[in-house]
Amino acid sequence: MDRRTFITAAGAAACAVPFIAGKGLAAPATGKPLDNPHFRTLLAEAHKAKKNAYSRYSNFQVGAALLAKDGTIITGCNVENASYGLTMCAERTAVFKAVSMGYKPGDFVAIAIAASADNFSPCGACRQVLNEFGNDMTVIFEFGGKVVTTTLADLLPYTFRL
């Protein structure tokens, strides 16, 4: 069964147009409901992906849903290992899965991340990997009971690029 989810091409275009125009869709962390219905869908997909997490050591489940400009949603979850350094975060799982499907830097509009705990945001390693694929990407997550919608550039200032 194909586990990918699609937002219509028109929906993906509606999400992508502000980025192409250089305006961005990000808003400060106000806790207001997501104004973009496609971002609500993305966050819901991240919550679904969270259920697939392999987190037998920490019981900390994380799911991510990455929105490509063509409307495809690629999901990922965290996969732990007894050797903690080999654990893979949900965000990186989604990005690496997208690359294995043929996506390239610049192909993404947004990523939503859902965790089984409060006060969660993407770790530094994930922020850097996401930066490789588009620092104008919108990042959606829940923190302190509020939905945060921001840009990756705001989450990772002074980015590192080769």
C-alpha atoms as a PDB file:
ATOM      1  CA  MET A   1       0.000   0.000   0.000  1.00  0.00           C
ATOM      2  CA  ASP A   2       1.319   3.428  -0.911  1.00  0.00           C
ATOM      3  CA  ARG A   3       1.561   5.377   2.381  1.00  0.00           C
ATOM      4  CA  ARG A   4       2.098   8.769   0.788  1.00  0.00           C
ATOM      5  CA  THR A   5      -0.557  11.424   1.176  1.00  0.00           C
ATOM      6  CA  PHE A   6      -1.206  14.140  -1.354  1.00  0.00           C
ATOM      7  CA  ILE A   7      -2.460  17.670  -1.119  1.00  0.00           C
ATOM      8  CA  THR A   8      -3.867  18.836  -4.425  1.00  0.00           C
ATOM      9  CA  ALA A   9      -1.453  20.596  -6.750  1.00  0.00           C
ATOM     10  CA  ALA A  10      -3.501  23.775  -6.243  1.00  0.00           C
ATOM     11  CA  GLY A  11      -3.110  23.413  -2.468  1.00  0.00           C
ATOM     12  CA  ALA A  12       0.638  22.936  -2.724  1.00  0.00           C
ATOM     13  CA  ALA A  13       0.848  25.919  -5.043  1.00  0.00           C
ATOM     14  CA  ALA A  14      -1.112  28.027  -2.555  1.00  0.00           C
ATOM     15  CA  CYS A  15       1.434  27.086   0.110  1.00  0.00           C
ATOM     16  CA  ALA A  16       4.414  27.643  -2.191  1.00  0.00           C
ATOM     17  CA  VAL A  17       3.451  30.940  -3.883  1.00  0.00           C
ATOM     18  CA  PRO A  18       4.402  33.185  -0.937  1.00  0.00           C
ATOM     19  CA  PHE A  19       7.816  31.509  -0.808  1.00  0.00           C
ATOM     20  CA  ILE A  20       8.390  31.979  -4.499  1.00  0.00           C
ATOM     21  CA  ALA A  21       7.389  35.624  -4.080  1.00  0.00           C
ATOM     22  CA  GLY A  22       9.771  35.881  -1.116  1.00  0.00           C
ATOM     23  CA  LYS A  23       7.043  36.699   1.397  1.00  0.00           C
ATOM     24  CA  GLY A  24       6.859  33.458   3.395  1.00  0.00           C
ATOM     25  CA  LEU A  25       3.876  32.098   5.301  1.00  0.00           C
ATOM     26  CA  ALA A  26       5.444  32.123   8.713  1.00  0.00           C
ATOM     27  CA  ALA A  27       3.846  33.834  11.640  1.00  0.00           C
ATOM     28  CA  PRO A  28       5.106  34.391  15.148  1.00  0.00           C
ATOM     29  CA  ALA A  29       4.328  31.787  17.784  1.00  0.00           C
ATOM     30  CA  THR A  30       0.914  33.172  18.669  1.00  0.00           C
ATOM     31  CA  GLY A  31      -0.841  29.936  19.489  1.00  0.00           C
ATOM     32  CA  LYS A  32      -3.663  30.895  17.121  1.00  0.00           C
ATOM     33  CA  PRO A  33      -5.092  28.096  14.976  1.00  0.00           C
ATOM     34  CA  LEU A  34      -3.254  27.473  11.755  1.00  0.00           C
ATOM     35  CA  ASP A  35      -4.656  29.772   9.093  1.00  0.00           C
ATOM     36  CA  ASN A  36      -3.543  27.551   6.233  1.00  0.00           C
ATOM     37  CA  PRO A  37      -5.768  24.436   6.017  1.00  0.00           C
ATOM     38  CA  HIS A  38      -2.960  22.538   4.294  1.00  0.00           C
ATOM     39  CA  PHE A  39      -0.732  23.121   7.304  1.00  0.00           C
ATOM     40  CA  ARG A  40      -3.473  21.696   9.554  1.00  0.00           C
ATOM     41  CA  THR A  41      -3.468  18.613   7.328  1.00  0.00           C
ATOM     42  CA  LEU A  42       0.312  18.456   7.566  1.00  0.00           C
ATOM     43  CA  LEU A  43       0.244  18.575  11.372  1.00  0.00           C
ATOM     44  CA  ALA A  44      -2.427  15.857  11.438  1.00  0.00           C
ATOM     45  CA  GLU A  45      -0.198  13.678   9.217  1.00  0.00           C
ATOM     46  CA  ALA A  46       2.721  14.244  11.611  1.00  0.00           C
ATOM     47  CA  HIS A  47       0.531  13.042  14.491  1.00  0.00           C
ATOM     48  CA  LYS A  48      -0.337   9.905  12.480  1.00  0.00           C
ATOM     49  CA  ALA A  49       3.336   9.259  11.695  1.00  0.00           C
ATOM     50  CA  LYS A  50       4.177   9.608  15.400  1.00  0.00           C
ATOM     51  CA  LYS A  51       2.233   6.396  16.055  1.00  0.00           C
ATOM     52  CA  ASN A  52       4.815   4.454  14.011  1.00  0.00           C
ATOM     53  CA  ALA A  53       7.769   5.586  16.133  1.00  0.00           C
ATOM     54  CA  TYR A  54      10.129   2.945  17.447  1.00  0.00           C
ATOM     55  CA  SER A  55      10.898   4.422  20.850  1.00  0.00           C
ATOM     56  CA  ARG A  56      11.322   1.466  23.175  1.00  0.00           C
ATOM     57  CA  TYR A  57      14.076   3.167  25.197  1.00  0.00           C
ATOM     58  CA  SER A  58      12.707   6.656  25.800  1.00  0.00           C
ATOM     59  CA  ASN A  59       9.003   6.211  24.985  1.00  0.00           C
ATOM     60  CA  PHE A  60       9.329   9.619  23.301  1.00  0.00           C
ATOM     61  CA  GLN A  61       7.426   9.380  20.031  1.00  0.00           C
ATOM     62  CA  VAL A  62       7.935  11.888  17.238  1.00  0.00           C
ATOM     63  CA  GLY A  63       6.362  12.085  13.795  1.00  0.00           C
ATOM     64  CA  ALA A  64       7.114  14.423  10.916  1.00  0.00           C
ATOM     65  CA  ALA A  65       5.279  15.280   7.710  1.00  0.00           C
ATOM     66  CA  LEU A  66       7.211  17.025   4.946  1.00  0.00           C
ATOM     67  CA  LEU A  67       5.257  18.874   2.241  1.00  0.00           C
ATOM     68  CA  ALA A  68       6.820  18.924  -1.221  1.00  0.00           C
ATOM     69  CA  LYS A  69       5.953  21.629  -3.751  1.00  0.00           C
ATOM     70  CA  ASP A  70       4.177  19.014  -5.902  1.00  0.00           C
ATOM     71  CA  GLY A  71       1.713  18.368  -3.048  1.00  0.00           C
ATOM     72  CA  THR A  72       3.201  15.090  -1.835  1.00  0.00           C
ATOM     73  CA  ILE A  73       3.455  14.605   1.916  1.00  0.00           C
ATOM     74  CA  ILE A  74       6.361  12.421   2.992  1.00  0.00           C
ATOM     75  CA  THR A  75       6.204  11.185   6.575  1.00  0.00           C
ATOM     76  CA  GLY A  76       8.805   9.934   9.006  1.00  0.00           C
ATOM     77  CA  CYS A  77       9.070   8.875  12.625  1.00  0.00           C
ATOM     78  CA  ASN A  78      11.886   8.544  15.119  1.00  0.00           C
ATOM     79  CA  VAL A  79      13.672   5.196  15.267  1.00  0.00           C
ATOM     80  CA  GLU A  80      15.685   4.569  18.412  1.00  0.00           C
ATOM     81  CA  ASN A  81      18.569   2.206  18.959  1.00  0.00           C
ATOM     82  CA  ALA A  82      20.244   0.793  22.061  1.00  0.00           C
ATOM     83  CA  SER A  83      23.248   2.819  20.922  1.00  0.00           C
ATOM     84  CA  TYR A  84      21.574   6.219  21.297  1.00  0.00           C
ATOM     85  CA  GLY A  85      23.918   7.899  18.817  1.00  0.00           C
ATOM     86  CA  LEU A  86      22.429   5.714  16.091  1.00  0.00           C
ATOM     87  CA  THR A  87      18.899   6.931  16.781  1.00  0.00           C
ATOM     88  CA  MET A  88      17.250   8.734  13.855  1.00  0.00           C
ATOM     89  CA  CYS A  89      14.890  11.669  14.392  1.00  0.00           C
ATOM     90  CA  ALA A  90      11.544  11.856  12.606  1.00  0.00           C
ATOM     91  CA  GLU A  91      12.459  15.008  10.673  1.00  0.00           C
ATOM     92  CA  ARG A  92      15.610  13.480   9.220  1.00  0.00           C
ATOM     93  CA  THR A  93      13.767  10.232   8.461  1.00  0.00           C
ATOM     94  CA  ALA A  94      11.232  12.201   6.389  1.00  0.00           C
ATOM     95  CA  VAL A  95      13.943  14.162   4.551  1.00  0.00           C
ATOM     96  CA  PHE A  96      16.073  11.102   3.803  1.00  0.00           C
ATOM     97  CA  LYS A  97      12.988   9.192   2.660  1.00  0.00           C
ATOM     98  CA  ALA A  98      12.115  12.108   0.334  1.00  0.00           C
ATOM     99  CA  VAL A  99      15.640  12.114  -1.110  1.00  0.00           C
ATOM    100  CA  SER A 100      15.368   8.371  -1.739  1.00  0.00           C
ATOM    101  CA  MET A 101      12.156   9.135  -3.670  1.00  0.00           C
ATOM    102  CA  GLY A 102      14.005  11.608  -5.917  1.00  0.00           C
ATOM    103  CA  TYR A 103      13.355  14.954  -4.210  1.00  0.00           C
ATOM    104  CA  LYS A 104      16.095  17.577  -4.129  1.00  0.00           C
ATOM    105  CA  PRO A 105      16.948  20.723  -2.134  1.00  0.00           C
ATOM    106  CA  GLY A 106      14.361  23.418  -2.823  1.00  0.00           C
ATOM    107  CA  ASP A 107      11.535  20.927  -3.436  1.00  0.00           C
ATOM    108  CA  PHE A 108       9.889  21.478  -0.032  1.00  0.00           C
ATOM    109  CA  VAL A 109       7.388  23.978   1.306  1.00  0.00           C
ATOM    110  CA  ALA A 110       6.896  22.978   4.933  1.00  0.00           C
ATOM    111  CA  ILE A 111       7.416  20.374   7.617  1.00  0.00           C
ATOM    112  CA  ALA A 112       5.200  19.622  10.609  1.00  0.00           C
ATOM    113  CA  ILE A 113       6.502  17.802  13.651  1.00  0.00           C
ATOM    114  CA  ALA A 114       4.412  16.175  16.385  1.00  0.00           C
ATOM    115  CA  ALA A 115       5.795  14.756  19.632  1.00  0.00           C
ATOM    116  CA  SER A 116       4.433  12.812  22.581  1.00  0.00           C
ATOM    117  CA  ALA A 117       5.626  15.505  25.004  1.00  0.00           C
ATOM    118  CA  ASP A 118       5.062  19.218  25.546  1.00  0.00           C
ATOM    119  CA  ASN A 119       7.706  21.867  24.920  1.00  0.00           C
ATOM    120  CA  PHE A 120       9.188  20.212  21.878  1.00  0.00           C
ATOM    121  CA  SER A 121      10.942  21.732  18.880  1.00  0.00           C
ATOM    122  CA  PRO A 122      13.278  20.258  16.262  1.00  0.00           C
ATOM    123  CA  CYS A 123      16.763  19.450  17.537  1.00  0.00           C
ATOM    124  CA  GLY A 124      19.838  21.222  16.191  1.00  0.00           C
ATOM    125  CA  ALA A 125      20.871  18.304  13.974  1.00  0.00           C
ATOM    126  CA  CYS A 126      17.441  18.248  12.335  1.00  0.00           C
ATOM    127  CA  ARG A 127      17.447  22.018  11.888  1.00  0.00           C
ATOM    128  CA  GLN A 128      20.764  21.761  10.050  1.00  0.00           C
ATOM    129  CA  VAL A 129      19.575  18.901   7.815  1.00  0.00           C
ATOM    130  CA  LEU A 130      16.355  20.787   7.018  1.00  0.00           C
ATOM    131  CA  ASN A 131      18.450  23.865   6.200  1.00  0.00           C
ATOM    132  CA  GLU A 132      20.237  21.861   3.511  1.00  0.00           C
ATOM    133  CA  PHE A 133      16.892  21.365   1.775  1.00  0.00           C
ATOM    134  CA  GLY A 134      15.377  24.846   2.117  1.00  0.00           C
ATOM    135  CA  ASN A 135      15.887  27.493   4.780  1.00  0.00           C
ATOM    136  CA  ASP A 136      12.691  29.245   3.660  1.00  0.00           C
ATOM    137  CA  MET A 137      10.691  26.178   4.680  1.00  0.00           C
ATOM    138  CA  THR A 138       7.814  26.694   7.122  1.00  0.00           C
ATOM    139  CA  VAL A 139       8.186  24.658  10.306  1.00  0.00           C
ATOM    140  CA  ILE A 140       5.089  23.753  12.307  1.00  0.00           C
ATOM    141  CA  PHE A 141       5.179  22.198  15.781  1.00  0.00           C
ATOM    142  CA  GLU A 142       3.414  22.359  19.122  1.00  0.00           C
ATOM    143  CA  PHE A 143       5.129  24.000  22.083  1.00  0.00           C
ATOM    144  CA  GLY A 144       3.586  24.714  25.466  1.00  0.00           C
ATOM    145  CA  GLY A 145       0.106  23.810  24.239  1.00  0.00           C
ATOM    146  CA  LYS A 146       0.318  26.199  21.280  1.00  0.00           C
ATOM    147  CA  VAL A 147       0.901  25.613  17.600  1.00  0.00           C
ATOM    148  CA  VAL A 148       4.036  27.360  16.412  1.00  0.00           C
ATOM    149  CA  THR A 149       4.364  28.283  12.742  1.00  0.00           C
ATOM    150  CA  THR A 150       7.723  29.781  11.855  1.00  0.00           C
ATOM    151  CA  THR A 151      10.457  29.619   9.248  1.00  0.00           C
ATOM    152  CA  LEU A 152      13.485  27.450   9.448  1.00  0.00           C
ATOM    153  CA  ALA A 153      15.575  30.604   9.009  1.00  0.00           C
ATOM    154  CA  ASP A 154      14.092  31.917  12.279  1.00  0.00           C
ATOM    155  CA  LEU A 155      14.775  28.623  14.063  1.00  0.00           C
ATOM    156  CA  LEU A 156      18.330  28.400  12.744  1.00  0.00           C
ATOM    157  CA  PRO A 157      19.868  31.835  12.355  1.00  0.00           C
ATOM    158  CA  TYR A 158      23.433  32.165  11.038  1.00  0.00           C
ATOM    159  CA  THR A 159      23.119  28.982   8.996  1.00  0.00           C
ATOM    160  CA  PHE A 160      26.051  26.889   7.895  1.00  0.00           C
ATOM    161  CA  ARG A 161      26.400  26.127   4.188  1.00  0.00           C
ATOM    162  CA  LEU A 162      29.264  24.861   2.078  1.00  0.00           C
END
